[in-house]
Amino acid sequence: MKIGVLSDTHIPVRAKEIPQEVLSGFEGVDLIIHAGDLTQLEVLDRLATIAPVEAVYGNMDPPEVREKLTPTKEIKLKGKTIAIMHGDGSPEETMRLAENSFPGADCVIFGHTHRAYTGYKGKTLLLNPGSCVESPWTERPSYAILYLDDNDATADIEARIFYLKRG
């Protein structure tokens, strides 16, 4: 199973639309996860033309987004528990929240920092896809793909960060 992961799109404030490079990278995914700060519900509509979407709201999302989404979510896929959150406060506080808010999760997807990250806390894969749009807090625009083994529920979840081309 192949899952597209993004966060902090901030449409239309930081960009008019999701970069085409991200949309092309998501071709053939089975699911898309957005970890908050979409800022406009139309982002979900656009992503849903590619694959089903799971999303949470972030600290910059307006009331109409918060009414449709929750601040956290846990989903089960291929025998794995994937937790989704946005984050809040400093990058260090967001990392602490990701590490400690979902005991037993196989993967925690988070955003907020605009910095791509993959690592482990014990057996839990922590994944921040970064932000796919330019902003003062984005070192380099990025998104992620999460891979789950269709045939082996004991196999590790794998994640890969993709950086957008500059210019």
N, C-alpha and C. Protein backbone atom coordinates (compact mmCIF):
# COMPACT_ATOMS: atom_id res chain seq x y z
N MET A 1 0.85 -1.17 0.00
CA MET A 1 0.00 0.00 0.00
C MET A 1 0.90 1.23 0.00
N LYS A 2 0.53 2.20 -0.80
CA LYS A 2 1.31 3.42 -0.96
C LYS A 2 0.44 4.60 -0.54
N ILE A 3 0.96 5.42 0.39
CA ILE A 3 0.19 6.53 0.95
C ILE A 3 0.95 7.84 0.75
N GLY A 4 0.30 8.82 0.12
CA GLY A 4 0.88 10.15 -0.02
C GLY A 4 0.65 10.94 1.25
N VAL A 5 1.67 11.65 1.72
CA VAL A 5 1.57 12.40 2.97
C VAL A 5 2.06 13.84 2.75
N LEU A 6 1.24 14.80 3.19
CA LEU A 6 1.64 16.19 3.12
C LEU A 6 1.06 16.95 4.30
N SER A 7 1.56 18.16 4.49
CA SER A 7 1.11 19.01 5.59
C SER A 7 1.44 20.45 5.25
N ASP A 8 0.81 21.34 5.99
CA ASP A 8 1.16 22.77 5.92
C ASP A 8 1.15 23.32 4.49
N THR A 9 0.06 23.06 3.77
CA THR A 9 -0.06 23.59 2.41
C THR A 9 -0.44 25.06 2.42
N HIS A 10 -1.17 25.51 3.43
CA HIS A 10 -1.52 26.94 3.59
C HIS A 10 -2.06 27.56 2.30
N ILE A 11 -2.97 26.84 1.63
CA ILE A 11 -3.58 27.34 0.39
C ILE A 11 -4.74 28.26 0.76
N PRO A 12 -4.93 29.43 0.24
CA PRO A 12 -4.17 30.10 -0.81
C PRO A 12 -3.17 31.13 -0.28
N VAL A 13 -2.85 31.10 1.00
CA VAL A 13 -1.97 32.12 1.58
C VAL A 13 -0.53 31.98 1.10
N ARG A 14 0.04 30.79 1.18
CA ARG A 14 1.44 30.57 0.80
C ARG A 14 1.60 30.15 -0.67
N ALA A 15 0.56 29.57 -1.23
CA ALA A 15 0.57 29.16 -2.64
C ALA A 15 -0.87 29.14 -3.12
N LYS A 16 -1.06 29.31 -4.42
CA LYS A 16 -2.41 29.30 -4.98
C LYS A 16 -2.98 27.88 -5.03
N GLU A 17 -2.09 26.89 -5.17
CA GLU A 17 -2.53 25.50 -5.28
C GLU A 17 -1.40 24.57 -4.87
N ILE A 18 -1.74 23.31 -4.69
CA ILE A 18 -0.73 22.31 -4.37
C ILE A 18 0.21 22.19 -5.57
N PRO A 19 1.51 22.20 -5.35
CA PRO A 19 2.44 22.12 -6.48
C PRO A 19 2.20 20.88 -7.34
N GLN A 20 2.30 21.05 -8.64
CA GLN A 20 2.08 19.94 -9.59
C GLN A 20 3.03 18.78 -9.32
N GLU A 21 4.23 19.08 -8.88
CA GLU A 21 5.20 18.02 -8.59
C GLU A 21 4.69 17.08 -7.48
N VAL A 22 3.96 17.63 -6.52
CA VAL A 22 3.37 16.82 -5.45
C VAL A 22 2.23 15.98 -6.02
N LEU A 23 1.36 16.61 -6.77
CA LEU A 23 0.23 15.89 -7.36
C LEU A 23 0.72 14.75 -8.26
N SER A 24 1.76 15.00 -9.02
CA SER A 24 2.34 13.94 -9.87
C SER A 24 2.94 12.84 -9.01
N GLY A 25 3.59 13.22 -7.91
CA GLY A 25 4.19 12.24 -7.00
C GLY A 25 3.15 11.36 -6.33
N PHE A 26 1.93 11.86 -6.21
CA PHE A 26 0.85 11.10 -5.58
C PHE A 26 0.09 10.21 -6.57
N GLU A 27 0.44 10.25 -7.84
CA GLU A 27 -0.23 9.37 -8.81
C GLU A 27 -0.04 7.92 -8.40
N GLY A 28 -1.13 7.18 -8.33
CA GLY A 28 -1.06 5.77 -7.99
C GLY A 28 -1.10 5.46 -6.51
N VAL A 29 -1.22 6.48 -5.65
CA VAL A 29 -1.31 6.19 -4.21
C VAL A 29 -2.69 5.64 -3.89
N ASP A 30 -2.76 4.88 -2.81
CA ASP A 30 -4.03 4.29 -2.36
C ASP A 30 -4.78 5.21 -1.41
N LEU A 31 -4.06 6.15 -0.79
CA LEU A 31 -4.62 7.05 0.21
C LEU A 31 -3.72 8.27 0.30
N ILE A 32 -4.30 9.40 0.70
CA ILE A 32 -3.53 10.61 0.97
C ILE A 32 -3.84 11.05 2.39
N ILE A 33 -2.80 11.41 3.14
CA ILE A 33 -2.95 11.93 4.50
C ILE A 33 -2.44 13.36 4.52
N HIS A 34 -3.28 14.28 5.03
CA HIS A 34 -2.89 15.69 5.20
C HIS A 34 -2.86 15.97 6.70
N ALA A 35 -1.69 16.40 7.18
CA ALA A 35 -1.50 16.61 8.62
C ALA A 35 -1.75 18.05 9.06
N GLY A 36 -2.69 18.72 8.44
CA GLY A 36 -3.17 20.01 8.94
C GLY A 36 -2.53 21.25 8.35
N ASP A 37 -3.17 22.37 8.63
CA ASP A 37 -2.86 23.68 8.06
C ASP A 37 -3.03 23.67 6.54
N LEU A 38 -4.18 23.13 6.12
CA LEU A 38 -4.54 23.23 4.72
C LEU A 38 -5.10 24.62 4.43
N THR A 39 -5.78 25.21 5.39
CA THR A 39 -6.41 26.54 5.44
C THR A 39 -7.59 26.74 4.50
N GLN A 40 -7.85 25.78 3.64
CA GLN A 40 -8.99 25.89 2.73
C GLN A 40 -9.47 24.47 2.41
N LEU A 41 -10.77 24.22 2.59
CA LEU A 41 -11.31 22.88 2.36
C LEU A 41 -11.14 22.39 0.92
N GLU A 42 -11.04 23.30 -0.01
CA GLU A 42 -10.85 22.92 -1.42
C GLU A 42 -9.60 22.08 -1.63
N VAL A 43 -8.62 22.21 -0.72
CA VAL A 43 -7.41 21.39 -0.79
C VAL A 43 -7.79 19.91 -0.72
N LEU A 44 -8.71 19.57 0.18
CA LEU A 44 -9.15 18.18 0.32
C LEU A 44 -9.88 17.71 -0.94
N ASP A 45 -10.69 18.60 -1.52
CA ASP A 45 -11.40 18.26 -2.75
C ASP A 45 -10.41 17.94 -3.87
N ARG A 46 -9.37 18.75 -3.98
CA ARG A 46 -8.37 18.53 -5.04
C ARG A 46 -7.65 17.20 -4.82
N LEU A 47 -7.24 16.93 -3.58
CA LEU A 47 -6.55 15.68 -3.27
C LEU A 47 -7.45 14.48 -3.51
N ALA A 48 -8.74 14.63 -3.23
CA ALA A 48 -9.69 13.52 -3.38
C ALA A 48 -9.89 13.11 -4.84
N THR A 49 -9.46 13.94 -5.79
CA THR A 49 -9.51 13.53 -7.19
C THR A 49 -8.43 12.52 -7.52
N ILE A 50 -7.46 12.35 -6.60
CA ILE A 50 -6.36 11.41 -6.78
C ILE A 50 -6.61 10.11 -6.02
N ALA A 51 -7.02 10.25 -4.74
CA ALA A 51 -7.23 9.09 -3.87
C ALA A 51 -8.05 9.53 -2.66
N PRO A 52 -8.61 8.58 -1.90
CA PRO A 52 -9.30 8.96 -0.66
C PRO A 52 -8.35 9.74 0.26
N VAL A 53 -8.92 10.62 1.08
CA VAL A 53 -8.11 11.50 1.92
C VAL A 53 -8.51 11.37 3.38
N GLU A 54 -7.51 11.31 4.26
CA GLU A 54 -7.67 11.43 5.70
C GLU A 54 -6.94 12.70 6.09
N ALA A 55 -7.53 13.51 6.99
CA ALA A 55 -6.90 14.77 7.35
C ALA A 55 -7.29 15.18 8.76
N VAL A 56 -6.45 16.01 9.36
CA VAL A 56 -6.73 16.66 10.63
C VAL A 56 -6.55 18.16 10.43
N TYR A 57 -7.08 18.94 11.36
CA TYR A 57 -6.86 20.39 11.23
C TYR A 57 -5.63 20.81 12.02
N GLY A 58 -5.08 21.95 11.61
CA GLY A 58 -3.91 22.52 12.26
C GLY A 58 -4.23 23.85 12.91
N ASN A 59 -3.24 24.43 13.54
CA ASN A 59 -3.43 25.67 14.30
C ASN A 59 -3.80 26.87 13.44
N MET A 60 -3.51 26.84 12.16
CA MET A 60 -3.82 27.96 11.28
C MET A 60 -5.11 27.76 10.48
N ASP A 61 -5.77 26.63 10.70
CA ASP A 61 -6.99 26.37 9.94
C ASP A 61 -8.17 27.16 10.50
N PRO A 62 -8.97 27.75 9.60
CA PRO A 62 -10.11 28.57 10.02
C PRO A 62 -11.29 27.72 10.50
N PRO A 63 -12.30 28.35 11.09
CA PRO A 63 -13.45 27.61 11.65
C PRO A 63 -14.11 26.64 10.68
N GLU A 64 -14.26 27.00 9.42
CA GLU A 64 -14.93 26.09 8.48
C GLU A 64 -14.14 24.79 8.27
N VAL A 65 -12.83 24.83 8.40
CA VAL A 65 -12.01 23.61 8.31
C VAL A 65 -12.12 22.83 9.61
N ARG A 66 -12.06 23.53 10.74
CA ARG A 66 -12.14 22.87 12.05
C ARG A 66 -13.50 22.19 12.27
N GLU A 67 -14.54 22.73 11.66
CA GLU A 67 -15.87 22.11 11.78
C GLU A 67 -15.93 20.76 11.06
N LYS A 68 -15.13 20.58 10.02
CA LYS A 68 -15.16 19.35 9.22
C LYS A 68 -14.13 18.31 9.67
N LEU A 69 -13.08 18.73 10.35
CA LEU A 69 -11.99 17.84 10.72
C LEU A 69 -11.79 17.79 12.23
N THR A 70 -10.99 16.86 12.69
CA THR A 70 -10.64 16.75 14.10
C THR A 70 -9.16 17.11 14.28
N PRO A 71 -8.73 17.40 15.52
CA PRO A 71 -7.32 17.75 15.72
C PRO A 71 -6.37 16.56 15.66
N THR A 72 -6.88 15.36 15.94
CA THR A 72 -6.08 14.14 15.84
C THR A 72 -6.96 13.03 15.28
N LYS A 73 -6.31 11.98 14.80
CA LYS A 73 -7.05 10.86 14.23
C LYS A 73 -6.14 9.64 14.27
N GLU A 74 -6.73 8.49 14.50
CA GLU A 74 -6.01 7.22 14.38
C GLU A 74 -6.74 6.36 13.37
N ILE A 75 -5.98 5.79 12.44
CA ILE A 75 -6.56 4.90 11.44
C ILE A 75 -5.80 3.58 11.45
N LYS A 76 -6.48 2.51 11.07
CA LYS A 76 -5.87 1.18 10.96
C LYS A 76 -5.75 0.85 9.48
N LEU A 77 -4.55 0.48 9.08
CA LEU A 77 -4.29 0.08 7.70
C LEU A 77 -3.35 -1.11 7.69
N LYS A 78 -3.72 -2.17 7.01
CA LYS A 78 -2.86 -3.35 6.87
C LYS A 78 -2.34 -3.83 8.23
N GLY A 79 -3.19 -3.77 9.26
CA GLY A 79 -2.81 -4.23 10.58
C GLY A 79 -1.96 -3.26 11.38
N LYS A 80 -1.76 -2.06 10.86
CA LYS A 80 -0.94 -1.05 11.53
C LYS A 80 -1.82 0.11 12.00
N THR A 81 -1.44 0.70 13.14
CA THR A 81 -2.12 1.89 13.64
C THR A 81 -1.31 3.12 13.25
N ILE A 82 -1.95 4.00 12.50
CA ILE A 82 -1.31 5.25 12.08
C ILE A 82 -2.05 6.39 12.74
N ALA A 83 -1.32 7.18 13.52
CA ALA A 83 -1.88 8.34 14.19
C ALA A 83 -1.51 9.59 13.39
N ILE A 84 -2.45 10.53 13.35
CA ILE A 84 -2.25 11.77 12.60
C ILE A 84 -2.53 12.93 13.54
N MET A 85 -1.64 13.91 13.56
CA MET A 85 -1.82 15.13 14.34
C MET A 85 -1.14 16.26 13.57
N HIS A 86 -1.34 17.49 14.04
CA HIS A 86 -0.64 18.60 13.40
C HIS A 86 0.56 19.00 14.24
N GLY A 87 0.31 19.50 15.42
CA GLY A 87 1.38 19.98 16.28
C GLY A 87 1.07 21.40 16.74
N ASP A 88 1.84 21.87 17.68
CA ASP A 88 1.61 23.20 18.24
C ASP A 88 2.86 23.63 19.00
N GLY A 89 3.04 24.93 19.11
CA GLY A 89 4.18 25.43 19.86
C GLY A 89 5.47 25.33 19.06
N SER A 90 6.57 25.23 19.78
CA SER A 90 7.90 25.18 19.15
C SER A 90 8.10 23.85 18.44
N PRO A 91 9.10 23.76 17.56
CA PRO A 91 9.41 22.48 16.94
C PRO A 91 9.70 21.39 17.98
N GLU A 92 10.35 21.75 19.06
CA GLU A 92 10.66 20.78 20.10
C GLU A 92 9.39 20.28 20.79
N GLU A 93 8.45 21.19 21.05
CA GLU A 93 7.19 20.81 21.67
C GLU A 93 6.37 19.92 20.73
N THR A 94 6.37 20.25 19.46
CA THR A 94 5.66 19.41 18.48
C THR A 94 6.26 18.01 18.43
N MET A 95 7.58 17.91 18.48
CA MET A 95 8.24 16.60 18.49
C MET A 95 7.86 15.83 19.75
N ARG A 96 7.84 16.48 20.90
CA ARG A 96 7.43 15.80 22.14
C ARG A 96 6.00 15.29 22.04
N LEU A 97 5.11 16.11 21.47
CA LEU A 97 3.72 15.68 21.28
C LEU A 97 3.65 14.45 20.38
N ALA A 98 4.39 14.48 19.27
CA ALA A 98 4.39 13.35 18.34
C ALA A 98 4.93 12.09 19.02
N GLU A 99 5.96 12.24 19.83
CA GLU A 99 6.58 11.09 20.49
C GLU A 99 5.71 10.49 21.59
N ASN A 100 4.89 11.32 22.25
CA ASN A 100 4.22 10.88 23.47
C ASN A 100 2.70 10.80 23.43
N SER A 101 2.07 11.27 22.38
CA SER A 101 0.60 11.37 22.38
C SER A 101 -0.12 10.09 21.94
N PHE A 102 0.58 9.16 21.31
CA PHE A 102 -0.09 7.98 20.75
C PHE A 102 0.68 6.71 21.12
N PRO A 103 0.70 6.35 22.40
CA PRO A 103 1.42 5.13 22.77
C PRO A 103 0.85 3.92 22.03
N GLY A 104 1.73 3.11 21.52
CA GLY A 104 1.29 1.91 20.81
C GLY A 104 1.08 2.09 19.32
N ALA A 105 1.11 3.33 18.83
CA ALA A 105 0.93 3.55 17.38
C ALA A 105 2.17 3.03 16.64
N ASP A 106 1.94 2.51 15.47
CA ASP A 106 3.06 2.05 14.64
C ASP A 106 3.71 3.22 13.91
N CYS A 107 2.92 4.26 13.64
CA CYS A 107 3.43 5.44 12.94
C CYS A 107 2.67 6.66 13.44
N VAL A 108 3.38 7.76 13.66
CA VAL A 108 2.76 9.04 13.98
C VAL A 108 3.16 10.03 12.90
N ILE A 109 2.15 10.56 12.21
CA ILE A 109 2.37 11.57 11.17
C ILE A 109 2.01 12.91 11.78
N PHE A 110 2.90 13.89 11.61
CA PHE A 110 2.65 15.23 12.16
C PHE A 110 3.18 16.29 11.21
N GLY A 111 2.83 17.53 11.49
CA GLY A 111 3.25 18.65 10.66
C GLY A 111 3.77 19.78 11.53
N HIS A 112 3.29 20.99 11.24
CA HIS A 112 3.50 22.21 12.00
C HIS A 112 4.89 22.84 11.85
N THR A 113 5.95 22.05 11.84
CA THR A 113 7.30 22.62 11.86
C THR A 113 7.79 23.04 10.48
N HIS A 114 7.13 22.58 9.42
CA HIS A 114 7.55 22.80 8.03
C HIS A 114 8.90 22.16 7.74
N ARG A 115 9.35 21.23 8.58
CA ARG A 115 10.64 20.56 8.42
C ARG A 115 10.41 19.06 8.24
N ALA A 116 10.87 18.53 7.13
CA ALA A 116 10.73 17.09 6.89
C ALA A 116 11.55 16.32 7.92
N TYR A 117 10.98 15.19 8.37
CA TYR A 117 11.65 14.38 9.38
C TYR A 117 11.14 12.94 9.33
N THR A 118 12.05 11.99 9.44
CA THR A 118 11.70 10.60 9.72
C THR A 118 12.65 10.10 10.79
N GLY A 119 12.12 9.34 11.71
CA GLY A 119 12.92 8.76 12.77
C GLY A 119 12.05 7.84 13.60
N TYR A 120 12.64 7.23 14.58
CA TYR A 120 11.91 6.29 15.44
C TYR A 120 11.99 6.73 16.89
N LYS A 121 10.89 6.50 17.60
CA LYS A 121 10.86 6.56 19.06
C LYS A 121 10.43 5.16 19.46
N GLY A 122 11.39 4.34 19.90
CA GLY A 122 11.10 2.94 20.13
C GLY A 122 10.74 2.28 18.82
N LYS A 123 9.58 1.62 18.77
CA LYS A 123 9.14 0.96 17.53
C LYS A 123 8.26 1.85 16.66
N THR A 124 8.00 3.07 17.12
CA THR A 124 7.08 3.97 16.41
C THR A 124 7.83 4.83 15.40
N LEU A 125 7.41 4.74 14.14
CA LEU A 125 7.95 5.60 13.10
C LEU A 125 7.32 6.98 13.24
N LEU A 126 8.15 8.00 13.32
CA LEU A 126 7.68 9.39 13.35
C LEU A 126 7.94 9.99 11.97
N LEU A 127 6.91 10.61 11.40
CA LEU A 127 7.04 11.16 10.04
C LEU A 127 6.43 12.54 9.98
N ASN A 128 7.25 13.50 9.59
CA ASN A 128 6.78 14.84 9.25
C ASN A 128 7.14 15.05 7.79
N PRO A 129 6.12 15.23 6.91
CA PRO A 129 6.43 15.39 5.49
C PRO A 129 7.02 16.76 5.15
N GLY A 130 7.07 17.67 6.13
CA GLY A 130 7.48 19.04 5.85
C GLY A 130 6.34 19.77 5.17
N SER A 131 6.63 20.90 4.58
CA SER A 131 5.64 21.66 3.83
C SER A 131 6.03 21.64 2.36
N CYS A 132 5.04 21.46 1.50
CA CYS A 132 5.34 21.38 0.06
C CYS A 132 5.31 22.75 -0.62
N VAL A 133 5.11 23.81 0.18
CA VAL A 133 5.09 25.16 -0.40
C VAL A 133 6.15 26.02 0.27
N GLU A 134 6.60 27.02 -0.46
CA GLU A 134 7.60 27.96 0.06
C GLU A 134 7.00 28.78 1.19
N SER A 135 7.78 29.00 2.23
CA SER A 135 7.40 29.90 3.32
C SER A 135 8.66 30.27 4.07
N PRO A 136 8.58 31.28 4.94
CA PRO A 136 9.77 31.64 5.72
C PRO A 136 10.27 30.51 6.62
N TRP A 137 9.40 29.54 6.94
CA TRP A 137 9.76 28.46 7.85
C TRP A 137 10.14 27.17 7.12
N THR A 138 9.98 27.15 5.81
CA THR A 138 10.25 25.94 5.03
C THR A 138 11.67 26.00 4.50
N GLU A 139 12.52 25.07 4.98
CA GLU A 139 13.89 25.03 4.48
C GLU A 139 13.92 24.60 3.03
N ARG A 140 13.15 23.56 2.72
CA ARG A 140 13.07 23.05 1.36
C ARG A 140 11.73 22.34 1.21
N PRO A 141 10.88 22.77 0.29
CA PRO A 141 9.55 22.15 0.14
C PRO A 141 9.65 20.63 -0.07
N SER A 142 8.72 19.90 0.57
CA SER A 142 8.79 18.45 0.53
C SER A 142 7.43 17.81 0.78
N TYR A 143 7.35 16.53 0.49
CA TYR A 143 6.20 15.69 0.82
C TYR A 143 6.76 14.30 1.08
N ALA A 144 5.91 13.36 1.47
CA ALA A 144 6.39 12.02 1.79
C ALA A 144 5.48 10.96 1.18
N ILE A 145 6.05 9.79 1.04
CA ILE A 145 5.29 8.59 0.68
C ILE A 145 5.55 7.56 1.77
N LEU A 146 4.48 6.97 2.25
CA LEU A 146 4.52 5.93 3.27
C LEU A 146 4.20 4.61 2.57
N TYR A 147 4.96 3.57 2.88
CA TYR A 147 4.76 2.26 2.25
C TYR A 147 4.41 1.22 3.31
N LEU A 148 3.31 0.50 3.11
CA LEU A 148 2.90 -0.60 3.97
C LEU A 148 2.86 -1.86 3.13
N ASP A 149 3.35 -2.95 3.68
CA ASP A 149 3.38 -4.22 2.96
C ASP A 149 1.98 -4.82 2.92
N ASP A 150 1.45 -5.05 1.74
CA ASP A 150 0.11 -5.62 1.57
C ASP A 150 0.01 -7.05 2.08
N ASN A 151 1.12 -7.78 2.07
CA ASN A 151 1.08 -9.21 2.37
C ASN A 151 1.67 -9.59 3.72
N ASP A 152 2.28 -8.64 4.44
CA ASP A 152 2.95 -8.97 5.69
C ASP A 152 2.68 -7.89 6.73
N ALA A 153 1.73 -8.15 7.62
CA ALA A 153 1.36 -7.18 8.66
C ALA A 153 2.48 -6.99 9.68
N THR A 154 3.47 -7.89 9.70
CA THR A 154 4.58 -7.73 10.65
C THR A 154 5.72 -6.90 10.05
N ALA A 155 5.66 -6.62 8.77
CA ALA A 155 6.72 -5.84 8.12
C ALA A 155 6.70 -4.40 8.61
N ASP A 156 7.87 -3.80 8.66
CA ASP A 156 7.97 -2.40 9.08
C ASP A 156 7.31 -1.48 8.06
N ILE A 157 6.80 -0.38 8.56
CA ILE A 157 6.32 0.70 7.70
C ILE A 157 7.55 1.45 7.20
N GLU A 158 7.56 1.80 5.95
CA GLU A 158 8.68 2.56 5.40
C GLU A 158 8.18 3.93 4.96
N ALA A 159 9.04 4.94 5.10
CA ALA A 159 8.69 6.29 4.66
C ALA A 159 9.85 6.87 3.87
N ARG A 160 9.49 7.65 2.87
CA ARG A 160 10.51 8.33 2.07
C ARG A 160 10.08 9.79 1.88
N ILE A 161 11.00 10.69 2.10
CA ILE A 161 10.78 12.13 1.88
C ILE A 161 11.21 12.46 0.45
N PHE A 162 10.40 13.25 -0.22
CA PHE A 162 10.73 13.74 -1.56
C PHE A 162 10.82 15.26 -1.50
N TYR A 163 11.92 15.80 -1.98
CA TYR A 163 12.11 17.25 -2.00
C TYR A 163 11.78 17.78 -3.38
N LEU A 164 11.07 18.91 -3.42
CA LEU A 164 10.69 19.51 -4.68
C LEU A 164 11.89 20.16 -5.34
N LYS A 165 11.88 20.15 -6.64
CA LYS A 165 12.96 20.81 -7.40
C LYS A 165 12.89 22.31 -7.16
N ARG A 166 14.01 22.91 -7.09
CA ARG A 166 14.07 24.37 -6.92
C ARG A 166 13.97 25.07 -8.26
N GLY A 167 13.40 26.28 -8.20
CA GLY A 167 13.36 27.10 -9.40
C GLY A 167 12.14 26.88 -10.15
